[in-house]
Amino acid sequence: MLPKISKVALKAGKIDIKVMRSGTLQFQEFVIKRIPSPVGAYPVLSVDKFIDMSELLRLAEEYQLPVSAKNGTAFPKGKISKDFVGL
């Protein structure tokens, strides 16, 4: 089950999230993008900046959605892209 904040983000199409970048806390605007896959399109919280992978993993766990930045994509523990098809 998705956290309430994730449902709001999916409906709105974007969300401002406080992230650690370069040693400082910053608000970054994450946009919901639909990524095509063989089993269907799935949503990803995406930002066009570099964010540490440890921070991406934290966000993926917190929001229970895939999170993508310029340097990679992180999924919540134990989940893959097909778990998010249809959201």
N, C-alpha and C. Protein backbone atom coordinates (compact mmCIF):
# COMPACT_ATOMS: atom_id res chain seq x y z
N MET A 1 0.84 -1.18 0.00
CA MET A 1 0.00 0.00 0.00
C MET A 1 0.89 1.25 0.00
N LEU A 2 0.52 2.20 -0.82
CA LEU A 2 1.29 3.44 -0.94
C LEU A 2 0.97 4.38 0.21
N PRO A 3 1.99 5.11 0.69
CA PRO A 3 1.72 6.16 1.69
C PRO A 3 0.84 7.24 1.07
N LYS A 4 0.12 7.97 1.92
CA LYS A 4 -0.80 9.01 1.46
C LYS A 4 -0.08 10.06 0.60
N ILE A 5 1.13 10.44 1.00
CA ILE A 5 1.88 11.46 0.26
C ILE A 5 2.19 10.98 -1.16
N SER A 6 2.43 9.69 -1.35
CA SER A 6 2.70 9.16 -2.68
C SER A 6 1.46 9.22 -3.56
N LYS A 7 0.30 8.96 -2.97
CA LYS A 7 -0.95 9.06 -3.73
C LYS A 7 -1.19 10.50 -4.18
N VAL A 8 -0.89 11.45 -3.29
CA VAL A 8 -1.04 12.87 -3.63
C VAL A 8 -0.09 13.24 -4.76
N ALA A 9 1.15 12.76 -4.68
CA ALA A 9 2.15 13.05 -5.73
C ALA A 9 1.72 12.48 -7.07
N LEU A 10 1.20 11.25 -7.07
CA LEU A 10 0.75 10.63 -8.33
C LEU A 10 -0.39 11.43 -8.95
N LYS A 11 -1.28 11.92 -8.12
CA LYS A 11 -2.43 12.68 -8.62
C LYS A 11 -2.00 14.05 -9.14
N ALA A 12 -1.10 14.72 -8.40
CA ALA A 12 -0.67 16.07 -8.77
C ALA A 12 0.34 16.08 -9.91
N GLY A 13 1.13 15.00 -10.03
CA GLY A 13 2.14 14.94 -11.09
C GLY A 13 3.50 15.47 -10.68
N LYS A 14 3.59 16.06 -9.48
CA LYS A 14 4.89 16.53 -8.98
C LYS A 14 4.79 16.72 -7.47
N ILE A 15 5.98 16.79 -6.83
CA ILE A 15 6.03 16.97 -5.39
C ILE A 15 7.38 17.59 -5.02
N ASP A 16 7.38 18.47 -4.03
CA ASP A 16 8.62 19.04 -3.51
C ASP A 16 9.08 18.19 -2.34
N ILE A 17 10.33 17.73 -2.40
CA ILE A 17 10.89 16.85 -1.38
C ILE A 17 12.20 17.45 -0.88
N LYS A 18 12.39 17.41 0.43
CA LYS A 18 13.63 17.88 1.04
C LYS A 18 14.66 16.76 0.92
N VAL A 19 15.78 17.04 0.22
CA VAL A 19 16.84 16.05 0.02
C VAL A 19 18.19 16.63 0.43
N MET A 20 19.11 15.74 0.73
CA MET A 20 20.48 16.13 1.07
C MET A 20 21.30 16.13 -0.22
N ARG A 21 21.77 17.31 -0.61
CA ARG A 21 22.63 17.45 -1.79
C ARG A 21 23.85 18.26 -1.40
N SER A 22 25.02 17.74 -1.69
CA SER A 22 26.28 18.44 -1.41
C SER A 22 26.39 18.89 0.04
N GLY A 23 25.88 18.07 0.94
CA GLY A 23 25.99 18.37 2.36
C GLY A 23 24.98 19.34 2.91
N THR A 24 24.02 19.79 2.10
CA THR A 24 22.98 20.70 2.58
C THR A 24 21.60 20.15 2.25
N LEU A 25 20.64 20.46 3.11
CA LEU A 25 19.26 20.08 2.84
C LEU A 25 18.66 21.09 1.87
N GLN A 26 18.04 20.57 0.81
CA GLN A 26 17.44 21.43 -0.20
C GLN A 26 16.09 20.86 -0.59
N PHE A 27 15.16 21.73 -0.98
CA PHE A 27 13.91 21.27 -1.56
C PHE A 27 14.14 21.11 -3.06
N GLN A 28 13.78 19.95 -3.59
CA GLN A 28 13.86 19.69 -5.02
C GLN A 28 12.48 19.28 -5.51
N GLU A 29 12.11 19.72 -6.70
CA GLU A 29 10.83 19.35 -7.28
C GLU A 29 10.99 18.06 -8.08
N PHE A 30 10.32 17.02 -7.64
CA PHE A 30 10.31 15.74 -8.33
C PHE A 30 9.04 15.65 -9.17
N VAL A 31 9.19 15.24 -10.41
CA VAL A 31 8.08 15.12 -11.35
C VAL A 31 7.79 13.65 -11.58
N ILE A 32 6.52 13.29 -11.69
CA ILE A 32 6.15 11.91 -12.00
C ILE A 32 6.30 11.70 -13.50
N LYS A 33 7.15 10.74 -13.86
CA LYS A 33 7.31 10.35 -15.26
C LYS A 33 6.84 8.91 -15.41
N ARG A 34 6.24 8.60 -16.53
CA ARG A 34 5.82 7.23 -16.82
C ARG A 34 6.88 6.59 -17.71
N ILE A 35 7.49 5.52 -17.21
CA ILE A 35 8.56 4.83 -17.93
C ILE A 35 7.97 3.57 -18.57
N PRO A 36 8.11 3.41 -19.89
CA PRO A 36 7.57 2.20 -20.53
C PRO A 36 8.42 0.97 -20.19
N SER A 37 7.75 -0.16 -20.02
CA SER A 37 8.44 -1.43 -19.79
C SER A 37 7.65 -2.51 -20.53
N PRO A 38 8.20 -3.70 -20.67
CA PRO A 38 7.49 -4.77 -21.38
C PRO A 38 6.13 -5.14 -20.78
N VAL A 39 5.95 -4.91 -19.48
CA VAL A 39 4.68 -5.26 -18.85
C VAL A 39 3.74 -4.07 -18.69
N GLY A 40 4.17 -2.88 -19.09
CA GLY A 40 3.36 -1.68 -19.01
C GLY A 40 4.16 -0.52 -18.43
N ALA A 41 3.59 0.67 -18.51
CA ALA A 41 4.28 1.86 -18.00
C ALA A 41 4.13 1.94 -16.49
N TYR A 42 5.19 2.42 -15.82
CA TYR A 42 5.15 2.58 -14.37
C TYR A 42 5.65 3.97 -14.00
N PRO A 43 5.15 4.53 -12.88
CA PRO A 43 5.53 5.88 -12.47
C PRO A 43 6.88 5.91 -11.75
N VAL A 44 7.61 7.00 -11.95
CA VAL A 44 8.90 7.22 -11.29
C VAL A 44 8.95 8.67 -10.83
N LEU A 45 9.36 8.90 -9.58
CA LEU A 45 9.64 10.27 -9.12
C LEU A 45 10.98 10.65 -9.72
N SER A 46 11.02 11.68 -10.53
CA SER A 46 12.23 12.00 -11.28
C SER A 46 12.66 13.44 -11.07
N VAL A 47 13.99 13.64 -11.01
CA VAL A 47 14.58 14.98 -10.90
C VAL A 47 15.80 15.02 -11.81
N ASP A 48 16.07 16.18 -12.42
CA ASP A 48 17.20 16.31 -13.34
C ASP A 48 18.44 16.87 -12.66
N LYS A 49 18.76 16.35 -11.50
CA LYS A 49 19.95 16.75 -10.75
C LYS A 49 20.67 15.48 -10.29
N PHE A 50 21.91 15.63 -9.85
CA PHE A 50 22.64 14.52 -9.27
C PHE A 50 22.30 14.45 -7.78
N ILE A 51 21.90 13.28 -7.32
CA ILE A 51 21.60 13.04 -5.91
C ILE A 51 22.28 11.72 -5.54
N ASP A 52 22.92 11.69 -4.36
CA ASP A 52 23.60 10.48 -3.92
C ASP A 52 22.66 9.28 -3.94
N MET A 53 23.20 8.10 -4.28
CA MET A 53 22.38 6.89 -4.33
C MET A 53 21.79 6.55 -2.96
N SER A 54 22.53 6.82 -1.90
CA SER A 54 21.99 6.54 -0.57
C SER A 54 20.75 7.38 -0.30
N GLU A 55 20.75 8.61 -0.78
CA GLU A 55 19.59 9.49 -0.62
C GLU A 55 18.43 9.01 -1.50
N LEU A 56 18.74 8.55 -2.71
CA LEU A 56 17.69 8.01 -3.59
C LEU A 56 17.04 6.77 -2.96
N LEU A 57 17.86 5.91 -2.36
CA LEU A 57 17.32 4.72 -1.69
C LEU A 57 16.44 5.11 -0.52
N ARG A 58 16.85 6.12 0.24
CA ARG A 58 16.03 6.58 1.37
C ARG A 58 14.67 7.09 0.88
N LEU A 59 14.69 7.87 -0.20
CA LEU A 59 13.44 8.41 -0.75
C LEU A 59 12.54 7.30 -1.30
N ALA A 60 13.14 6.32 -1.97
CA ALA A 60 12.36 5.20 -2.51
C ALA A 60 11.67 4.44 -1.39
N GLU A 61 12.37 4.21 -0.29
CA GLU A 61 11.78 3.53 0.86
C GLU A 61 10.69 4.37 1.52
N GLU A 62 10.94 5.66 1.64
CA GLU A 62 9.99 6.55 2.31
C GLU A 62 8.69 6.70 1.51
N TYR A 63 8.81 6.87 0.19
CA TYR A 63 7.63 7.12 -0.64
C TYR A 63 7.09 5.85 -1.29
N GLN A 64 7.81 4.74 -1.19
CA GLN A 64 7.40 3.46 -1.76
C GLN A 64 7.12 3.57 -3.26
N LEU A 65 7.95 4.38 -3.93
CA LEU A 65 7.90 4.55 -5.38
C LEU A 65 9.34 4.55 -5.90
N PRO A 66 9.55 4.17 -7.17
CA PRO A 66 10.89 4.31 -7.76
C PRO A 66 11.27 5.79 -7.82
N VAL A 67 12.55 6.07 -7.59
CA VAL A 67 13.05 7.45 -7.61
C VAL A 67 14.23 7.50 -8.57
N SER A 68 14.23 8.50 -9.46
CA SER A 68 15.26 8.59 -10.48
C SER A 68 15.92 9.97 -10.44
N ALA A 69 17.24 9.98 -10.65
CA ALA A 69 18.01 11.22 -10.77
C ALA A 69 18.97 11.02 -11.95
N LYS A 70 19.80 12.01 -12.21
CA LYS A 70 20.74 11.91 -13.34
C LYS A 70 21.70 10.74 -13.20
N ASN A 71 22.02 10.36 -11.97
CA ASN A 71 23.02 9.32 -11.76
C ASN A 71 22.44 7.93 -11.53
N GLY A 72 21.13 7.74 -11.57
CA GLY A 72 20.59 6.40 -11.42
C GLY A 72 19.15 6.37 -10.93
N THR A 73 18.64 5.15 -10.76
CA THR A 73 17.29 4.92 -10.30
C THR A 73 17.32 3.97 -9.12
N ALA A 74 16.48 4.23 -8.13
CA ALA A 74 16.39 3.38 -6.95
C ALA A 74 14.95 2.91 -6.78
N PHE A 75 14.80 1.64 -6.39
CA PHE A 75 13.50 1.06 -6.12
C PHE A 75 13.40 0.73 -4.64
N PRO A 76 12.18 0.71 -4.09
CA PRO A 76 12.03 0.28 -2.70
C PRO A 76 12.51 -1.16 -2.55
N LYS A 77 12.98 -1.51 -1.37
CA LYS A 77 13.53 -2.83 -1.11
C LYS A 77 12.50 -3.92 -1.44
N GLY A 78 12.95 -4.90 -2.23
CA GLY A 78 12.11 -6.05 -2.57
C GLY A 78 11.11 -5.81 -3.69
N LYS A 79 11.18 -4.67 -4.36
CA LYS A 79 10.23 -4.37 -5.43
C LYS A 79 10.96 -4.13 -6.74
N ILE A 80 10.26 -4.41 -7.86
CA ILE A 80 10.79 -4.18 -9.19
C ILE A 80 9.76 -3.39 -9.99
N SER A 81 10.10 -3.04 -11.22
CA SER A 81 9.24 -2.17 -12.02
C SER A 81 7.83 -2.73 -12.20
N LYS A 82 7.66 -4.03 -12.37
CA LYS A 82 6.32 -4.57 -12.62
C LYS A 82 5.41 -4.42 -11.41
N ASP A 83 5.97 -4.19 -10.21
CA ASP A 83 5.14 -3.97 -9.03
C ASP A 83 4.42 -2.63 -9.08
N PHE A 84 4.86 -1.72 -9.94
CA PHE A 84 4.29 -0.38 -10.00
C PHE A 84 3.43 -0.14 -11.24
N VAL A 85 3.32 -1.12 -12.13
CA VAL A 85 2.50 -0.98 -13.33
C VAL A 85 1.04 -0.81 -12.90
N GLY A 86 0.38 0.17 -13.47
CA GLY A 86 -1.02 0.40 -13.19
C GLY A 86 -1.28 1.43 -12.11
N LEU A 87 -0.24 2.03 -11.53
CA LEU A 87 -0.48 3.06 -10.51
C LEU A 87 -0.78 4.40 -11.16
